[in-house]
Amino acid sequence: MQITRTYSAAVNGIDAKLVEIEVSQYASPSSSQDSSISIVGLPDAAVKESKERLLSAFCSSGYTPPRSFAVINLAPADLKKEGASFDLGIALALLGANGIVKSRHLLFAGAIGELSLDGKVRPVRGALPVADCLSKMPDIRALLVPRENAAEAVLAASGKLKVYAVETLAQAVDFINTGNLTPVPEPDFSFNDASVDADFADVKGQYSVKKALEIAAAGGHNIMMIGSPGTGKSMLAKRLAGILPPMTREEVLETSRIHSVLGMLAGNQQILRSRPFRSPHHTTSDIGLIGGGHDPRPGEISLAHHGVLFLDEFPEFKRSVLEVLRQPLENGEITVSRAAGNCTFPARFMLCAAMNPCPCGRGSVELGCKCSANEIRKYQKRISGPMLDRIDLIIDVKPLSPKELTAAPTGESSRTVRERVIAARKIQLARFSGRKASCNADMNSRDLRDFCPLSPAGEQIIQNAIQKFQLSPRAYDRILKVSRTISDLKREENISTQTLSEAIALRKSNFLDPDAE
């Protein structure tokens, strides 16, 4: 009995594990039955249904369906196999067992793709982690993928594996037999200018808020904006991603992997070229925001990895959801525990939150606010003190004056601001060479001691601030990190008293009730 083998991979979380596709054919034990295909190896319903798709695709492509019994084993048998991505690999292995495909060539190839009834190869989820997994196998030299998944697959292959885009089963068979197909070239990693459609230059006034967003971008800091509806909080937040530095190749790979397993890389967007900006609604469920489910999938915080997570109407999110954010804000990842096991998803994002100063949103008697002090305190207490401690900058966004509102925008463009942000980030990369931190927001206690020393006058200023505002140790660390970022933007080697005072001022809001913390 001859066994034909080829390879694919099963997506598990945001990673993939090697799957060996084995096909064994034997004569029918009963003359009353011409043929039968059995798939084993813990397949789900979509994998089991591939038998019907394969038979139709064989006929449509001009290949004779199997005339004997065939057992298809997806090894390892204890790894759950989900989805239709195994169709192409199973089809090639079956055709290899029938002598239509050179079975010895299949030993050096991997394949993913869903087959349609007419033999076309459809795109699938998770091509990027699958390609990354197979690229680590020394014997696998080629990977066949649907054309729509080609860019993400070649991104992960990193030159270790040649990726070939196929549109039909017949094209895949011809390549295995003849090698007559050109590998997909590596895509261009140029950064898309996110500020083209959302530019800081379009924002009227709000110069202090734009300066705070620049500081947040330069150091990777979390920021919260407090202001009445219509003051431009959402407009400003949408422009934050446009002033962040371009993503590195590693960041592109990490971020695209998450979007790939969720099937969000298709059509014209085969890889992420700009930093993600995610803005989930405040009614989003716990699982939708942090990830999870029966078979855990990444949530919004992971989709915002290396980008911006914008939470508008911050107090309207369920408190339990906001409290779960505390782990990823500290560690840059979220661990989802289920009975079947644990999954850890990356979630290193910049949090940009926005909220009204009070339940009615007006914020002052002059604007018609009739909220009582107790109502305001109750509204603001929806955000816990530990959650506020993890926000580096808390900024008031005040309504524009009639003159500012009717005047033409006169601010700097996002491109100009981003140049300063990039310059500050380069200083930080040089500073943290050989350390875990990549920006000022990532500094640990040792980094703070080494890179944020204060003069005696500065120590007195921070001590007074701690006593006056009842700052926690975590809030104290955040102020030092913001001070370091402001110094980097000013190209100052040491943190001056003026810079330290500016960082303290950026931490306190006139709208926020001190008792709410």
Protein backbone atom coordinates (compact mmCIF):
# COMPACT_ATOMS: atom_id res chain seq x y z
CA MET A 1 0.00 0.00 0.00
CA GLN A 2 1.43 3.36 -1.09
CA ILE A 3 0.85 6.48 1.01
CA THR A 4 0.94 9.94 -0.59
CA ARG A 5 1.91 12.90 1.58
CA THR A 6 1.88 16.66 1.39
CA TYR A 7 1.69 19.49 3.94
CA SER A 8 -0.52 22.26 5.22
CA ALA A 9 -1.05 23.95 8.62
CA ALA A 10 -3.86 24.50 11.12
CA VAL A 11 -4.37 27.96 12.61
CA ASN A 12 -4.34 27.97 16.42
CA GLY A 13 -4.94 31.41 17.91
CA ILE A 14 -2.69 33.66 15.82
CA ASP A 15 -0.12 30.92 15.15
CA ALA A 16 -0.21 27.83 12.97
CA LYS A 17 0.89 24.23 13.49
CA LEU A 18 2.17 21.88 10.81
CA VAL A 19 -0.35 19.38 9.44
CA GLU A 20 0.77 16.40 7.39
CA ILE A 21 -1.86 15.27 4.87
CA GLU A 22 -1.64 11.50 4.27
CA VAL A 23 -3.70 9.63 1.66
CA SER A 24 -3.99 5.86 1.46
CA GLN A 25 -6.09 4.08 -1.21
CA TYR A 26 -7.22 0.47 -1.23
CA ALA A 27 -9.64 -1.65 -3.20
CA SER A 28 -13.32 -1.55 -2.35
CA PRO A 29 -14.19 -4.35 0.10
CA SER A 30 -17.65 -4.62 -1.45
CA SER A 31 -18.57 -4.77 -5.10
CA SER A 32 -21.74 -2.82 -4.32
CA GLN A 33 -19.82 0.38 -3.61
CA ASP A 34 -17.53 2.00 -6.17
CA SER A 35 -15.64 4.44 -3.97
CA SER A 36 -15.57 6.22 -0.65
CA ILE A 37 -13.48 8.99 0.95
CA SER A 38 -12.96 9.12 4.69
CA ILE A 39 -11.27 12.05 6.45
CA VAL A 40 -9.84 11.46 9.92
CA GLY A 41 -7.67 13.52 12.27
CA LEU A 42 -10.19 15.57 14.27
CA PRO A 43 -11.74 17.50 11.34
CA ASP A 44 -14.60 19.92 11.88
CA ALA A 45 -17.72 20.05 9.70
CA ALA A 46 -16.11 22.34 7.08
CA VAL A 47 -13.20 19.90 6.64
CA LYS A 48 -15.53 16.89 6.37
CA GLU A 49 -17.58 18.67 3.70
CA SER A 50 -14.47 19.03 1.55
CA LYS A 51 -15.20 15.55 0.11
CA GLU A 52 -18.17 16.89 -1.87
CA ARG A 53 -16.27 19.99 -2.99
CA LEU A 54 -13.32 17.87 -4.13
CA LEU A 55 -15.40 15.47 -6.25
CA SER A 56 -17.10 18.37 -8.06
CA ALA A 57 -13.78 20.23 -8.51
CA PHE A 58 -12.17 17.07 -9.97
CA CYS A 59 -14.93 16.66 -12.55
CA SER A 60 -14.92 20.38 -13.44
CA SER A 61 -11.12 20.30 -13.90
CA GLY A 62 -11.15 17.17 -16.08
CA TYR A 63 -9.73 14.72 -13.51
CA THR A 64 -11.23 11.30 -12.81
CA PRO A 65 -12.59 10.97 -9.26
CA PRO A 66 -11.13 8.17 -7.10
CA ARG A 67 -12.49 4.69 -8.00
CA SER A 68 -11.42 3.07 -4.74
CA PHE A 69 -11.59 3.64 -1.02
CA ALA A 70 -9.37 6.44 0.29
CA VAL A 71 -8.48 7.36 3.85
CA ILE A 72 -7.22 10.90 4.36
CA ASN A 73 -5.41 11.45 7.66
CA LEU A 74 -4.65 14.94 8.93
CA ALA A 75 -1.79 14.47 11.37
CA PRO A 76 -1.30 15.05 14.24
CA ALA A 77 -4.64 13.44 15.01
CA ASP A 78 -5.16 15.26 18.33
CA LEU A 79 -4.99 18.74 16.77
CA LYS A 80 -8.36 20.16 15.80
CA LYS A 81 -8.62 21.05 12.09
CA GLU A 82 -11.01 23.85 11.15
CA GLY A 83 -12.12 25.54 7.96
CA ALA A 84 -11.84 24.87 4.26
CA SER A 85 -8.15 25.79 3.90
CA PHE A 86 -7.16 22.11 3.63
CA ASP A 87 -9.12 21.58 0.38
CA LEU A 88 -6.24 22.24 -2.00
CA GLY A 89 -3.73 20.11 -0.07
CA ILE A 90 -6.16 17.19 0.21
CA ALA A 91 -6.99 17.43 -3.51
CA LEU A 92 -3.33 17.35 -4.54
CA ALA A 93 -2.61 14.40 -2.25
CA LEU A 94 -5.59 12.47 -3.67
CA LEU A 95 -4.50 13.20 -7.23
CA GLY A 96 -1.00 12.10 -6.26
CA ALA A 97 -2.38 8.79 -4.99
CA ASN A 98 -4.17 8.35 -8.35
CA GLY A 99 -0.99 9.04 -10.33
CA ILE A 100 -2.21 12.32 -11.80
CA VAL A 101 0.26 14.37 -9.73
CA LYS A 102 3.90 13.42 -9.17
CA SER A 103 3.67 12.31 -5.57
CA ARG A 104 7.40 12.67 -4.90
CA HIS A 105 7.13 16.41 -5.65
CA LEU A 106 4.38 16.77 -3.04
CA LEU A 107 6.87 15.89 -0.29
CA PHE A 108 8.51 19.28 -0.80
CA ALA A 109 5.35 21.38 -1.10
CA GLY A 110 2.65 22.85 1.11
CA ALA A 111 -0.77 24.06 0.05
CA ILE A 112 -3.73 26.02 1.41
CA GLY A 113 -6.91 27.14 -0.27
CA GLU A 114 -10.62 26.44 -0.49
CA LEU A 115 -11.90 24.78 -3.67
CA SER A 116 -15.07 25.89 -5.37
CA LEU A 117 -17.24 23.41 -7.25
CA ASP A 118 -15.80 24.54 -10.60
CA GLY A 119 -12.19 24.02 -9.48
CA LYS A 120 -11.30 27.60 -8.61
CA VAL A 121 -9.14 28.29 -5.53
CA ARG A 122 -10.72 30.69 -3.06
CA PRO A 123 -8.94 32.76 -0.38
CA VAL A 124 -8.79 31.57 3.22
CA ARG A 125 -8.07 32.97 6.68
CA GLY A 126 -4.64 32.68 8.26
CA ALA A 127 -2.38 32.47 5.20
CA LEU A 128 0.27 34.55 6.96
CA PRO A 129 0.76 32.32 10.04
CA VAL A 130 0.52 29.22 7.84
CA ALA A 131 3.31 30.52 5.61
CA ASP A 132 5.37 31.42 8.66
CA CYS A 133 4.93 27.90 10.05
CA LEU A 134 5.84 26.12 6.80
CA SER A 135 8.82 28.40 6.18
CA LYS A 136 10.44 26.88 9.28
CA MET A 137 10.29 23.36 7.80
CA PRO A 138 13.63 22.74 6.01
CA ASP A 139 12.21 20.17 3.55
CA ILE A 140 9.33 22.34 2.31
CA ARG A 141 10.46 24.49 -0.58
CA ALA A 142 7.21 25.73 -2.14
CA LEU A 143 3.84 26.91 -0.87
CA LEU A 144 0.73 27.12 -3.05
CA VAL A 145 -1.79 29.75 -1.94
CA PRO A 146 -4.83 31.50 -3.44
CA ARG A 147 -3.87 34.60 -5.37
CA GLU A 148 -5.73 36.83 -2.90
CA ASN A 149 -3.53 35.53 -0.06
CA ALA A 150 -0.22 35.75 -1.94
CA ALA A 151 1.08 39.05 -0.50
CA GLU A 152 0.58 38.10 3.15
CA ALA A 153 2.06 34.63 2.57
CA VAL A 154 5.23 35.93 0.92
CA LEU A 155 5.58 38.50 3.70
CA ALA A 156 5.78 35.69 6.26
CA ALA A 157 7.96 33.44 4.10
CA SER A 158 10.77 36.03 4.29
CA GLY A 159 12.71 34.40 1.46
CA LYS A 160 12.93 31.02 3.24
CA LEU A 161 10.10 29.61 1.18
CA LYS A 162 8.93 30.32 -2.37
CA VAL A 163 5.27 31.24 -2.58
CA TYR A 164 3.21 30.51 -5.69
CA ALA A 165 -0.20 32.03 -6.34
CA VAL A 166 -2.74 29.73 -8.02
CA GLU A 167 -6.24 30.47 -9.24
CA THR A 168 -7.44 26.97 -10.15
CA LEU A 169 -6.82 23.36 -9.17
CA ALA A 170 -5.56 22.64 -12.69
CA GLN A 171 -2.94 25.37 -12.34
CA ALA A 172 -1.76 23.85 -9.04
CA VAL A 173 -1.52 20.38 -10.60
CA ASP A 174 0.45 21.71 -13.56
CA PHE A 175 2.91 23.46 -11.23
CA ILE A 176 3.53 20.32 -9.14
CA ASN A 177 4.21 18.30 -12.30
CA THR A 178 6.19 20.85 -14.33
CA GLY A 179 7.24 23.67 -12.00
CA ASN A 180 5.93 26.07 -14.64
CA LEU A 181 4.97 29.00 -12.43
CA THR A 182 6.74 32.18 -11.32
CA PRO A 183 7.06 32.72 -7.56
CA VAL A 184 5.36 35.74 -6.04
CA PRO A 185 7.81 38.65 -5.49
CA GLU A 186 8.11 40.19 -2.05
CA PRO A 187 5.72 43.15 -1.67
CA ASP A 188 6.75 46.75 -1.24
CA PHE A 189 6.82 47.78 2.42
CA SER A 190 6.43 51.51 1.84
CA PHE A 191 4.37 53.28 4.48
CA ASN A 192 1.05 54.76 3.45
CA ASP A 193 0.65 58.37 4.57
CA ALA A 194 -2.34 58.10 6.90
CA SER A 195 -2.50 61.87 7.17
CA VAL A 196 -3.63 62.32 3.54
CA ASP A 197 -7.28 61.70 4.42
CA ALA A 198 -7.07 62.77 8.07
CA ASP A 199 -4.63 65.64 8.49
CA PHE A 200 -3.94 67.75 11.58
CA ALA A 201 -3.98 70.78 9.29
CA ASP A 202 -7.76 70.37 8.93
CA VAL A 203 -8.35 70.85 12.66
CA LYS A 204 -9.24 74.37 13.72
CA GLY A 205 -7.67 75.65 16.92
CA GLN A 206 -7.06 73.15 19.76
CA TYR A 207 -3.31 73.78 19.63
CA SER A 208 -2.69 72.58 23.17
CA VAL A 209 -4.55 69.33 22.49
CA LYS A 210 -2.61 68.75 19.27
CA LYS A 211 0.62 69.33 21.20
CA ALA A 212 -0.45 66.75 23.78
CA LEU A 213 -1.22 64.23 21.01
CA GLU A 214 2.23 64.87 19.56
CA ILE A 215 3.80 64.12 22.95
CA ALA A 216 1.69 60.95 23.25
CA ALA A 217 2.78 59.79 19.79
CA ALA A 218 6.43 60.60 20.42
CA GLY A 219 6.59 58.46 23.57
CA GLY A 220 3.87 55.89 22.93
CA HIS A 221 1.79 57.24 25.82
CA ASN A 222 -1.88 56.64 26.58
CA ILE A 223 -4.04 59.76 26.48
CA MET A 224 -7.56 60.76 27.47
CA MET A 225 -9.44 63.80 26.17
CA ILE A 226 -12.27 65.32 28.21
CA GLY A 227 -14.62 67.78 26.58
CA SER A 228 -18.16 68.55 25.48
CA PRO A 229 -19.65 66.96 22.35
CA GLY A 230 -18.60 68.80 19.20
CA THR A 231 -15.27 70.06 20.50
CA GLY A 232 -13.33 67.82 18.07
CA LYS A 233 -12.24 64.89 20.26
CA SER A 234 -13.06 62.22 17.67
CA MET A 235 -11.63 64.32 14.85
CA LEU A 236 -8.35 64.71 16.72
CA ALA A 237 -8.20 61.04 17.69
CA LYS A 238 -8.60 59.89 14.09
CA ARG A 239 -5.48 61.88 13.19
CA LEU A 240 -3.31 60.32 15.89
CA ALA A 241 -2.30 57.27 13.85
CA GLY A 242 -1.15 59.59 11.06
CA ILE A 243 1.62 61.12 13.18
CA LEU A 244 3.01 57.82 14.49
CA PRO A 245 6.32 56.57 13.02
CA PRO A 246 6.22 54.15 10.07
CA MET A 247 5.94 50.50 11.01
CA THR A 248 9.02 48.32 10.80
CA ARG A 249 8.96 45.05 8.87
CA GLU A 250 8.58 43.13 12.15
CA GLU A 251 5.62 45.29 13.18
CA VAL A 252 3.99 44.83 9.77
CA LEU A 253 4.38 41.07 10.15
CA GLU A 254 3.00 40.95 13.70
CA THR A 255 0.02 43.18 12.96
CA SER A 256 -0.85 41.58 9.63
CA ARG A 257 -0.77 38.13 11.28
CA ILE A 258 -3.64 39.12 13.59
CA HIS A 259 -5.73 40.52 10.75
CA SER A 260 -4.94 37.45 8.65
CA VAL A 261 -6.36 34.90 11.10
CA LEU A 262 -9.58 36.93 11.22
CA GLY A 263 -9.83 37.00 7.42
CA MET A 264 -9.41 40.77 7.27
CA LEU A 265 -6.60 40.75 4.68
CA ALA A 266 -8.22 40.45 1.29
CA GLY A 267 -8.73 42.33 -1.93
CA ASN A 268 -6.56 45.43 -2.19
CA GLN A 269 -5.39 45.22 1.44
CA GLN A 270 -3.26 42.08 1.46
CA ILE A 271 -0.92 43.44 4.13
CA LEU A 272 -1.19 46.35 6.55
CA ARG A 273 0.86 49.29 5.33
CA SER A 274 -0.24 51.83 7.93
CA ARG A 275 -0.73 51.61 11.66
CA PRO A 276 -4.17 50.31 12.61
CA PHE A 277 -6.79 52.60 14.12
CA ARG A 278 -9.61 50.75 15.86
CA SER A 279 -12.67 52.49 17.25
CA PRO A 280 -15.13 49.96 18.74
CA HIS A 281 -18.56 51.14 19.90
CA HIS A 282 -19.14 51.35 23.63
CA THR A 283 -21.72 48.54 23.36
CA THR A 284 -19.02 46.12 22.19
CA SER A 285 -19.04 42.89 24.19
CA ASP A 286 -16.20 41.71 26.40
CA ILE A 287 -15.18 39.10 23.83
CA GLY A 288 -15.40 41.60 20.98
CA LEU A 289 -13.02 43.97 22.75
CA ILE A 290 -10.49 41.69 24.43
CA GLY A 291 -10.91 38.50 22.39
CA GLY A 292 -12.09 35.02 23.30
CA GLY A 293 -14.94 32.75 22.28
CA HIS A 294 -15.22 28.97 22.19
CA ASP A 295 -12.21 28.84 19.90
CA PRO A 296 -10.40 32.00 21.10
CA ARG A 297 -9.96 34.72 18.49
CA PRO A 298 -8.26 38.13 18.85
CA GLY A 299 -10.41 41.11 19.82
CA GLU A 300 -10.26 44.83 19.09
CA ILE A 301 -7.30 45.43 21.40
CA SER A 302 -5.23 42.94 19.40
CA LEU A 303 -6.42 44.38 16.09
CA ALA A 304 -5.00 47.69 17.37
CA HIS A 305 -1.57 46.09 17.99
CA HIS A 306 1.17 48.63 17.10
CA GLY A 307 -1.54 51.20 16.45
CA VAL A 308 -4.25 53.19 18.21
CA LEU A 309 -7.28 51.95 20.14
CA PHE A 310 -9.80 54.79 20.35
CA LEU A 311 -12.51 54.36 22.99
CA ASP A 312 -15.05 57.12 22.57
CA GLU A 313 -17.62 57.65 25.33
CA PHE A 314 -15.11 56.00 27.67
CA PRO A 315 -17.35 55.83 30.79
CA GLU A 316 -20.12 54.15 28.75
CA PHE A 317 -18.08 50.97 28.32
CA LYS A 318 -18.90 48.29 30.86
CA ARG A 319 -16.63 48.64 33.85
CA SER A 320 -15.70 44.96 33.71
CA VAL A 321 -14.42 45.48 30.15
CA LEU A 322 -12.37 48.52 31.11
CA GLU A 323 -10.81 46.70 34.06
CA VAL A 324 -9.69 43.86 31.78
CA LEU A 325 -7.75 46.46 29.78
CA ARG A 326 -5.38 46.93 32.70
CA GLN A 327 -3.34 43.80 31.88
CA PRO A 328 -2.63 44.58 28.22
CA LEU A 329 -1.91 48.23 29.04
CA GLU A 330 0.86 47.03 31.37
CA ASN A 331 2.13 43.92 29.58
CA GLY A 332 1.32 44.51 25.91
CA GLU A 333 -0.60 41.22 25.62
CA ILE A 334 -3.86 39.60 26.68
CA THR A 335 -4.25 36.03 27.90
CA VAL A 336 -7.61 34.35 27.29
CA SER A 337 -8.21 31.24 29.39
CA ARG A 338 -10.68 28.56 28.35
CA ALA A 339 -11.29 24.94 29.37
CA ALA A 340 -9.48 23.75 26.26
CA GLY A 341 -6.39 25.83 27.09
CA ASN A 342 -4.95 29.33 27.09
CA CYS A 343 -4.30 31.68 24.19
CA THR A 344 -2.11 34.77 24.44
CA PHE A 345 -2.64 37.52 21.89
CA PRO A 346 -0.37 40.56 21.41
CA ALA A 347 -1.98 43.87 22.34
CA ARG A 348 0.65 46.60 22.47
CA PHE A 349 -1.43 49.61 21.51
CA MET A 350 -1.77 53.30 22.33
CA LEU A 351 -4.99 53.95 24.18
CA CYS A 352 -6.78 57.13 23.19
CA ALA A 353 -9.92 57.66 25.25
CA ALA A 354 -12.53 60.41 25.04
CA MET A 355 -15.30 61.32 27.44
CA ASN A 356 -17.72 64.07 28.34
CA PRO A 357 -17.10 66.06 31.52
CA CYS A 358 -20.56 65.22 32.91
CA PRO A 359 -23.65 63.14 32.03
CA CYS A 360 -25.26 65.91 29.95
CA GLY A 361 -21.95 66.69 28.23
CA ARG A 362 -22.05 70.48 28.56
CA GLY A 363 -19.55 70.64 31.40
CA SER A 364 -20.29 74.13 32.76
CA VAL A 365 -23.17 76.28 33.93
CA GLU A 366 -22.36 78.82 31.19
CA LEU A 367 -23.11 76.14 28.60
CA GLY A 368 -26.34 75.12 30.29
CA CYS A 369 -25.15 72.20 32.43
CA LYS A 370 -27.61 71.31 35.21
CA CYS A 371 -25.87 68.16 36.46
CA SER A 372 -25.43 68.02 40.22
CA ALA A 373 -22.04 67.46 41.81
CA ASN A 374 -23.17 64.01 42.89
CA GLU A 375 -24.25 63.09 39.33
CA ILE A 376 -20.93 64.28 37.92
CA ARG A 377 -18.99 62.35 40.56
CA LYS A 378 -21.02 59.19 39.92
CA TYR A 379 -20.50 59.51 36.15
CA GLN A 380 -16.74 59.99 36.42
CA LYS A 381 -16.36 57.17 38.93
CA ARG A 382 -17.31 54.72 36.20
CA ILE A 383 -13.58 54.89 35.43
CA SER A 384 -11.63 53.45 38.33
CA GLY A 385 -8.54 54.99 39.89
CA PRO A 386 -6.28 52.10 38.77
CA MET A 387 -7.54 52.61 35.21
CA LEU A 388 -6.80 56.35 35.33
CA ASP A 389 -3.34 55.55 36.70
CA ARG A 390 -2.55 53.80 33.41
CA ILE A 391 -3.33 56.91 31.36
CA ASP A 392 -0.31 59.19 30.94
CA LEU A 393 -1.96 62.38 29.70
CA ILE A 394 -5.40 63.72 30.65
CA ILE A 395 -6.33 66.70 28.49
CA ASP A 396 -9.23 69.16 28.50
CA VAL A 397 -10.73 69.90 25.09
CA LYS A 398 -12.58 73.21 25.28
CA PRO A 399 -15.14 74.54 22.79
CA LEU A 400 -13.82 76.80 20.04
CA SER A 401 -14.54 80.49 20.20
CA PRO A 402 -16.72 81.97 17.44
CA LYS A 403 -13.60 83.54 15.91
CA GLU A 404 -11.74 80.21 15.85
CA LEU A 405 -14.77 78.41 14.49
CA THR A 406 -15.25 80.73 11.52
CA ALA A 407 -11.55 81.13 10.69
CA ALA A 408 -9.70 78.90 8.24
CA PRO A 409 -7.48 76.13 9.70
CA THR A 410 -3.92 77.36 10.27
CA GLY A 411 -2.24 74.46 12.10
CA GLU A 412 0.70 72.30 11.06
CA SER A 413 0.21 69.30 8.80
CA SER A 414 0.44 65.75 10.11
CA ARG A 415 3.57 65.23 8.00
CA THR A 416 5.37 68.07 9.81
CA VAL A 417 4.33 66.82 13.23
CA ARG A 418 5.30 63.25 12.36
CA GLU A 419 8.81 64.32 11.42
CA ARG A 420 9.33 65.57 14.99
CA VAL A 421 7.78 62.38 16.37
CA ILE A 422 10.11 60.23 14.28
CA ALA A 423 13.13 62.25 15.44
CA ALA A 424 12.13 61.74 19.08
CA ARG A 425 11.59 58.01 18.54
CA LYS A 426 15.06 57.68 17.01
CA ILE A 427 16.54 59.19 20.18
CA GLN A 428 14.63 56.62 22.23
CA LEU A 429 15.69 53.68 20.07
CA ALA A 430 19.32 54.68 20.53
CA ARG A 431 18.79 55.15 24.28
CA PHE A 432 17.18 51.75 24.78
CA SER A 433 19.59 49.77 22.60
CA GLY A 434 20.04 46.38 24.23
CA ARG A 435 17.04 46.86 26.53
CA LYS A 436 13.44 45.66 26.34
CA ALA A 437 11.93 49.12 26.00
CA SER A 438 11.39 50.54 22.52
CA CYS A 439 9.84 53.88 23.54
CA ASN A 440 9.55 55.93 26.70
CA ALA A 441 6.17 54.46 27.64
CA ASP A 442 7.82 51.02 27.92
CA MET A 443 10.40 52.07 30.52
CA ASN A 444 10.67 49.93 33.65
CA SER A 445 11.92 50.99 37.10
CA ARG A 446 15.55 50.51 36.16
CA ASP A 447 15.14 52.58 32.99
CA LEU A 448 13.50 55.36 34.99
CA ARG A 449 16.46 55.47 37.39
CA ASP A 450 18.97 55.50 34.54
CA PHE A 451 17.30 57.91 32.13
CA CYS A 452 15.03 60.16 34.22
CA PRO A 453 17.19 61.68 36.97
CA LEU A 454 15.84 64.90 38.48
CA SER A 455 17.64 67.92 39.87
CA PRO A 456 17.02 68.87 43.53
CA ALA A 457 14.58 71.52 42.31
CA GLY A 458 12.80 68.97 40.15
CA GLU A 459 12.51 66.53 43.06
CA GLN A 460 10.90 69.25 45.14
CA ILE A 461 8.40 70.00 42.37
CA ILE A 462 7.36 66.37 41.99
CA GLN A 463 7.10 65.91 45.76
CA ASN A 464 4.77 68.90 45.98
CA ALA A 465 2.68 67.48 43.12
CA ILE A 466 2.42 64.07 44.80
CA GLN A 467 1.19 65.67 48.01
CA LYS A 468 -1.18 68.15 46.33
CA PHE A 469 -2.79 65.77 43.83
CA GLN A 470 -2.46 62.54 45.88
CA LEU A 471 -0.57 60.86 43.05
CA SER A 472 -0.01 57.10 43.18
CA PRO A 473 3.43 55.53 42.54
CA ARG A 474 2.24 54.50 39.09
CA ALA A 475 1.10 58.05 38.29
CA TYR A 476 4.51 59.32 39.47
CA ASP A 477 6.24 56.95 37.02
CA ARG A 478 3.97 58.10 34.21
CA ILE A 479 4.86 61.73 34.83
CA LEU A 480 8.57 60.91 34.61
CA LYS A 481 8.02 59.05 31.32
CA VAL A 482 6.11 61.97 29.82
CA SER A 483 8.81 64.36 31.04
CA ARG A 484 11.43 62.27 29.26
CA THR A 485 9.39 62.42 26.03
CA ILE A 486 8.96 66.19 26.19
CA SER A 487 12.73 66.51 26.71
CA ASP A 488 13.32 64.30 23.65
CA LEU A 489 11.08 66.52 21.53
CA LYS A 490 13.04 69.54 22.74
CA ARG A 491 16.35 67.70 22.14
CA GLU A 492 17.26 68.22 25.83
CA GLU A 493 19.52 65.66 27.49
CA ASN A 494 18.23 66.32 31.02
CA ILE A 495 14.70 66.84 32.35
CA SER A 496 14.36 70.51 33.26
CA THR A 497 12.03 71.87 35.94
CA GLN A 498 9.98 73.55 33.22
CA THR A 499 9.56 70.23 31.37
CA LEU A 500 8.62 68.44 34.59
CA SER A 501 6.00 71.06 35.40
CA GLU A 502 4.58 70.73 31.89
CA ALA A 503 4.28 66.95 32.32
CA ILE A 504 2.46 67.40 35.65
CA ALA A 505 0.07 69.89 34.05
CA LEU A 506 -0.68 67.40 31.27
CA ARG A 507 -1.70 64.88 33.90
CA LYS A 508 -4.48 66.90 35.55
CA SER A 509 -7.85 67.95 34.12
CA ASN A 510 -9.95 70.88 35.27
CA PHE A 511 -13.06 68.87 34.37
CA LEU A 512 -12.11 65.75 36.34
CA ASP A 513 -13.38 65.68 39.91
CA PRO A 514 -10.42 64.79 42.18
CA ASP A 515 -12.72 62.58 44.24
CA ALA A 516 -13.49 60.53 41.12
CA GLU A 517 -10.04 59.00 41.26
